[in-house]
Amino acid sequence: MNLAARKIRLIMELRRAGIVDTEVMSAIELTPREDFVLETFRDRAYDNTALPIDDGQTISQPYVVACMTEALLDGFEGEKVLEIGTGCGYQTAVL
């Protein structure tokens, strides 16, 4: 399965898991998670799982990123967000 098909599978999985905000879903879909993972794990970039990145850290599971982003948007429209300690920057890119 190629990355595009894996991304579609992930989007469908997030919807089934209860992520409903269209802006969050669009941000997840448009953010190339494969750019934030190690080359070794590129083929797993759209698995709904945390993956290792440099320095013993992990990139967060897409569901967690979507859930946190959706919760942040609920009632905070127009507010600014300061993201600290983003690791590889995936959460920041989604925001």
N, C-alpha and C. Protein backbone atom coordinates (compact mmCIF):
# COMPACT_ATOMS: atom_id res chain seq x y z
N MET A 1 0.85 -1.18 0.00
CA MET A 1 0.00 0.00 0.00
C MET A 1 0.90 1.24 0.00
N ASN A 2 0.61 2.20 -0.90
CA ASN A 2 1.43 3.41 -0.98
C ASN A 2 1.03 4.42 0.12
N LEU A 3 1.82 5.49 0.26
CA LEU A 3 1.56 6.47 1.32
C LEU A 3 0.20 7.13 1.19
N ALA A 4 -0.22 7.43 -0.03
CA ALA A 4 -1.53 8.08 -0.23
C ALA A 4 -2.66 7.18 0.28
N ALA A 5 -2.59 5.90 -0.02
CA ALA A 5 -3.62 4.96 0.45
C ALA A 5 -3.57 4.83 1.96
N ARG A 6 -2.37 4.82 2.52
CA ARG A 6 -2.22 4.73 3.98
C ARG A 6 -2.80 5.97 4.66
N LYS A 7 -2.60 7.14 4.03
CA LYS A 7 -3.14 8.38 4.58
C LYS A 7 -4.67 8.33 4.60
N ILE A 8 -5.27 7.86 3.52
CA ILE A 8 -6.73 7.73 3.45
C ILE A 8 -7.22 6.79 4.54
N ARG A 9 -6.52 5.68 4.72
CA ARG A 9 -6.89 4.72 5.77
C ARG A 9 -6.83 5.38 7.14
N LEU A 10 -5.79 6.18 7.39
CA LEU A 10 -5.65 6.88 8.67
C LEU A 10 -6.80 7.86 8.88
N ILE A 11 -7.12 8.65 7.86
CA ILE A 11 -8.21 9.63 7.97
C ILE A 11 -9.52 8.92 8.32
N MET A 12 -9.78 7.81 7.67
CA MET A 12 -10.99 7.04 7.96
C MET A 12 -10.97 6.51 9.40
N GLU A 13 -9.81 6.05 9.83
CA GLU A 13 -9.67 5.54 11.20
C GLU A 13 -9.91 6.64 12.23
N LEU A 14 -9.40 7.83 11.96
CA LEU A 14 -9.60 8.96 12.89
C LEU A 14 -11.08 9.34 12.97
N ARG A 15 -11.75 9.32 11.84
CA ARG A 15 -13.19 9.61 11.84
C ARG A 15 -13.96 8.59 12.67
N ARG A 16 -13.62 7.31 12.48
CA ARG A 16 -14.28 6.25 13.26
C ARG A 16 -13.98 6.39 14.75
N ALA A 17 -12.82 6.96 15.07
CA ALA A 17 -12.43 7.13 16.47
C ALA A 17 -13.07 8.37 17.10
N GLY A 18 -13.80 9.16 16.30
CA GLY A 18 -14.54 10.28 16.86
C GLY A 18 -14.00 11.66 16.56
N ILE A 19 -12.97 11.77 15.74
CA ILE A 19 -12.48 13.09 15.36
C ILE A 19 -13.44 13.63 14.30
N VAL A 20 -14.10 14.75 14.62
CA VAL A 20 -15.15 15.26 13.73
C VAL A 20 -14.87 16.65 13.17
N ASP A 21 -13.99 17.41 13.77
CA ASP A 21 -13.73 18.77 13.30
C ASP A 21 -13.09 18.73 11.92
N THR A 22 -13.73 19.36 10.95
CA THR A 22 -13.25 19.31 9.56
C THR A 22 -11.91 20.03 9.39
N GLU A 23 -11.68 21.08 10.16
CA GLU A 23 -10.39 21.78 10.06
C GLU A 23 -9.26 20.90 10.59
N VAL A 24 -9.51 20.18 11.66
CA VAL A 24 -8.50 19.27 12.21
C VAL A 24 -8.23 18.16 11.21
N MET A 25 -9.28 17.57 10.67
CA MET A 25 -9.11 16.49 9.70
C MET A 25 -8.35 16.98 8.47
N SER A 26 -8.65 18.18 8.02
CA SER A 26 -7.96 18.76 6.88
C SER A 26 -6.48 18.98 7.19
N ALA A 27 -6.19 19.49 8.38
CA ALA A 27 -4.80 19.73 8.77
C ALA A 27 -4.02 18.42 8.84
N ILE A 28 -4.63 17.38 9.40
CA ILE A 28 -3.97 16.07 9.46
C ILE A 28 -3.73 15.55 8.04
N GLU A 29 -4.72 15.70 7.19
CA GLU A 29 -4.60 15.21 5.81
C GLU A 29 -3.54 15.96 5.02
N LEU A 30 -3.45 17.28 5.22
CA LEU A 30 -2.53 18.10 4.43
C LEU A 30 -1.10 18.15 4.98
N THR A 31 -0.91 17.72 6.22
CA THR A 31 0.43 17.75 6.82
C THR A 31 1.15 16.45 6.49
N PRO A 32 2.26 16.51 5.78
CA PRO A 32 2.95 15.29 5.36
C PRO A 32 3.74 14.66 6.51
N ARG A 33 3.08 13.77 7.25
CA ARG A 33 3.72 13.16 8.43
C ARG A 33 5.01 12.44 8.06
N GLU A 34 5.11 11.95 6.83
CA GLU A 34 6.32 11.25 6.41
C GLU A 34 7.55 12.16 6.46
N ASP A 35 7.36 13.47 6.39
CA ASP A 35 8.48 14.41 6.49
C ASP A 35 9.00 14.55 7.92
N PHE A 36 8.26 14.04 8.90
CA PHE A 36 8.62 14.20 10.30
C PHE A 36 9.13 12.92 10.95
N VAL A 37 9.15 11.82 10.21
CA VAL A 37 9.62 10.56 10.77
C VAL A 37 10.97 10.20 10.16
N LEU A 38 11.68 9.33 10.83
CA LEU A 38 12.96 8.85 10.31
C LEU A 38 12.71 8.06 9.03
N GLU A 39 13.66 8.12 8.12
CA GLU A 39 13.54 7.42 6.83
C GLU A 39 13.19 5.94 7.04
N THR A 40 13.74 5.35 8.07
CA THR A 40 13.49 3.94 8.38
C THR A 40 12.00 3.65 8.57
N PHE A 41 11.25 4.63 9.07
CA PHE A 41 9.84 4.44 9.40
C PHE A 41 8.90 5.15 8.42
N ARG A 42 9.44 5.64 7.32
CA ARG A 42 8.63 6.40 6.35
C ARG A 42 7.42 5.61 5.86
N ASP A 43 7.58 4.32 5.64
CA ASP A 43 6.46 3.51 5.15
C ASP A 43 5.37 3.33 6.21
N ARG A 44 5.67 3.67 7.46
CA ARG A 44 4.70 3.55 8.55
C ARG A 44 4.20 4.92 9.01
N ALA A 45 4.50 5.96 8.24
CA ALA A 45 4.18 7.33 8.66
C ALA A 45 2.69 7.52 8.93
N TYR A 46 1.83 6.79 8.22
CA TYR A 46 0.39 6.98 8.40
C TYR A 46 -0.26 5.85 9.19
N ASP A 47 0.56 5.09 9.90
CA ASP A 47 0.01 4.17 10.89
C ASP A 47 -0.42 5.01 12.09
N ASN A 48 -1.49 4.64 12.72
CA ASN A 48 -1.98 5.39 13.87
C ASN A 48 -1.24 4.95 15.13
N THR A 49 0.04 5.25 15.13
CA THR A 49 0.91 4.85 16.23
C THR A 49 2.03 5.86 16.39
N ALA A 50 2.58 5.93 17.60
CA ALA A 50 3.78 6.75 17.83
C ALA A 50 4.95 6.03 17.16
N LEU A 51 5.89 6.81 16.64
CA LEU A 51 7.07 6.25 15.99
C LEU A 51 8.32 6.91 16.55
N PRO A 52 9.43 6.18 16.60
CA PRO A 52 10.67 6.77 17.11
C PRO A 52 11.18 7.90 16.22
N ILE A 53 11.71 8.92 16.86
CA ILE A 53 12.45 9.98 16.17
C ILE A 53 13.81 10.09 16.86
N ASP A 54 14.59 11.07 16.55
CA ASP A 54 15.92 11.20 17.14
C ASP A 54 15.89 11.38 18.65
N ASP A 55 17.03 11.10 19.27
CA ASP A 55 17.27 11.35 20.69
C ASP A 55 16.32 10.62 21.63
N GLY A 56 15.86 9.42 21.23
CA GLY A 56 15.01 8.61 22.09
C GLY A 56 13.60 9.13 22.26
N GLN A 57 13.19 10.08 21.43
CA GLN A 57 11.84 10.64 21.49
C GLN A 57 10.94 9.93 20.48
N THR A 58 9.65 10.24 20.53
CA THR A 58 8.72 9.69 19.56
C THR A 58 7.86 10.80 18.97
N ILE A 59 7.39 10.58 17.76
CA ILE A 59 6.38 11.43 17.16
C ILE A 59 5.05 10.87 17.67
N SER A 60 4.18 11.73 18.10
CA SER A 60 2.92 11.30 18.70
C SER A 60 2.03 10.56 17.71
N GLN A 61 1.21 9.70 18.25
CA GLN A 61 0.20 8.98 17.48
C GLN A 61 -0.74 10.00 16.83
N PRO A 62 -1.07 9.85 15.55
CA PRO A 62 -1.96 10.80 14.89
C PRO A 62 -3.27 11.05 15.63
N TYR A 63 -3.86 10.01 16.22
CA TYR A 63 -5.10 10.22 16.97
C TYR A 63 -4.89 11.18 18.12
N VAL A 64 -3.78 11.07 18.82
CA VAL A 64 -3.49 11.96 19.95
C VAL A 64 -3.32 13.39 19.46
N VAL A 65 -2.60 13.57 18.36
CA VAL A 65 -2.42 14.90 17.78
C VAL A 65 -3.77 15.49 17.38
N ALA A 66 -4.60 14.70 16.71
CA ALA A 66 -5.91 15.17 16.28
C ALA A 66 -6.80 15.49 17.47
N CYS A 67 -6.79 14.63 18.47
CA CYS A 67 -7.62 14.82 19.66
C CYS A 67 -7.21 16.08 20.42
N MET A 68 -5.91 16.28 20.62
CA MET A 68 -5.43 17.47 21.32
C MET A 68 -5.78 18.73 20.53
N THR A 69 -5.63 18.68 19.21
CA THR A 69 -5.92 19.84 18.38
C THR A 69 -7.41 20.14 18.39
N GLU A 70 -8.23 19.12 18.30
CA GLU A 70 -9.67 19.31 18.34
C GLU A 70 -10.10 19.90 19.70
N ALA A 71 -9.53 19.40 20.78
CA ALA A 71 -9.86 19.92 22.11
C ALA A 71 -9.43 21.37 22.25
N LEU A 72 -8.29 21.70 21.69
CA LEU A 72 -7.78 23.06 21.75
C LEU A 72 -8.70 24.03 21.01
N LEU A 73 -9.21 23.61 19.88
CA LEU A 73 -10.07 24.47 19.07
C LEU A 73 -11.45 24.67 19.68
N ASP A 74 -11.86 23.75 20.51
CA ASP A 74 -13.19 23.82 21.11
C ASP A 74 -13.23 24.96 22.12
N GLY A 75 -13.77 26.08 21.69
CA GLY A 75 -13.91 27.22 22.59
C GLY A 75 -12.75 28.21 22.59
N PHE A 76 -11.76 27.97 21.74
CA PHE A 76 -10.60 28.86 21.72
C PHE A 76 -10.39 29.50 20.35
N GLU A 77 -11.44 29.62 19.58
CA GLU A 77 -11.32 30.18 18.24
C GLU A 77 -10.72 31.59 18.32
N GLY A 78 -9.70 31.80 17.51
CA GLY A 78 -9.05 33.11 17.46
C GLY A 78 -7.96 33.30 18.49
N GLU A 79 -7.79 32.36 19.39
CA GLU A 79 -6.75 32.45 20.42
C GLU A 79 -5.40 32.03 19.83
N LYS A 80 -4.32 32.43 20.48
CA LYS A 80 -2.98 32.04 20.08
C LYS A 80 -2.53 30.87 20.93
N VAL A 81 -1.66 30.04 20.34
CA VAL A 81 -1.15 28.86 21.03
C VAL A 81 0.36 28.92 21.03
N LEU A 82 0.97 28.63 22.17
CA LEU A 82 2.42 28.51 22.27
C LEU A 82 2.72 27.03 22.47
N GLU A 83 3.32 26.41 21.49
CA GLU A 83 3.67 24.99 21.56
C GLU A 83 5.13 24.88 21.94
N ILE A 84 5.42 24.22 23.05
CA ILE A 84 6.79 24.10 23.56
C ILE A 84 7.16 22.62 23.60
N GLY A 85 8.35 22.32 23.14
CA GLY A 85 8.83 20.95 23.22
C GLY A 85 8.14 20.04 22.23
N THR A 86 8.04 20.47 20.98
CA THR A 86 7.28 19.72 20.00
C THR A 86 8.03 18.52 19.44
N GLY A 87 9.24 18.30 19.83
CA GLY A 87 9.97 17.15 19.29
C GLY A 87 10.34 17.39 17.84
N CYS A 88 9.62 16.76 16.93
CA CYS A 88 9.94 16.85 15.50
C CYS A 88 9.18 17.96 14.81
N GLY A 89 8.17 18.56 15.46
CA GLY A 89 7.42 19.66 14.87
C GLY A 89 6.10 19.27 14.23
N TYR A 90 5.73 18.00 14.27
CA TYR A 90 4.50 17.56 13.62
C TYR A 90 3.28 18.22 14.23
N GLN A 91 3.18 18.25 15.55
CA GLN A 91 2.03 18.89 16.20
C GLN A 91 1.96 20.36 15.82
N THR A 92 3.09 21.04 15.78
CA THR A 92 3.12 22.44 15.41
C THR A 92 2.64 22.63 13.97
N ALA A 93 3.07 21.76 13.07
CA ALA A 93 2.64 21.86 11.68
C ALA A 93 1.14 21.67 11.56
N VAL A 94 0.58 20.75 12.33
CA VAL A 94 -0.87 20.53 12.31
C VAL A 94 -1.59 21.76 12.85
N LEU A 95 -1.06 22.34 13.92
CA LEU A 95 -1.68 23.55 14.47
C LEU A 95 -1.62 24.70 13.48
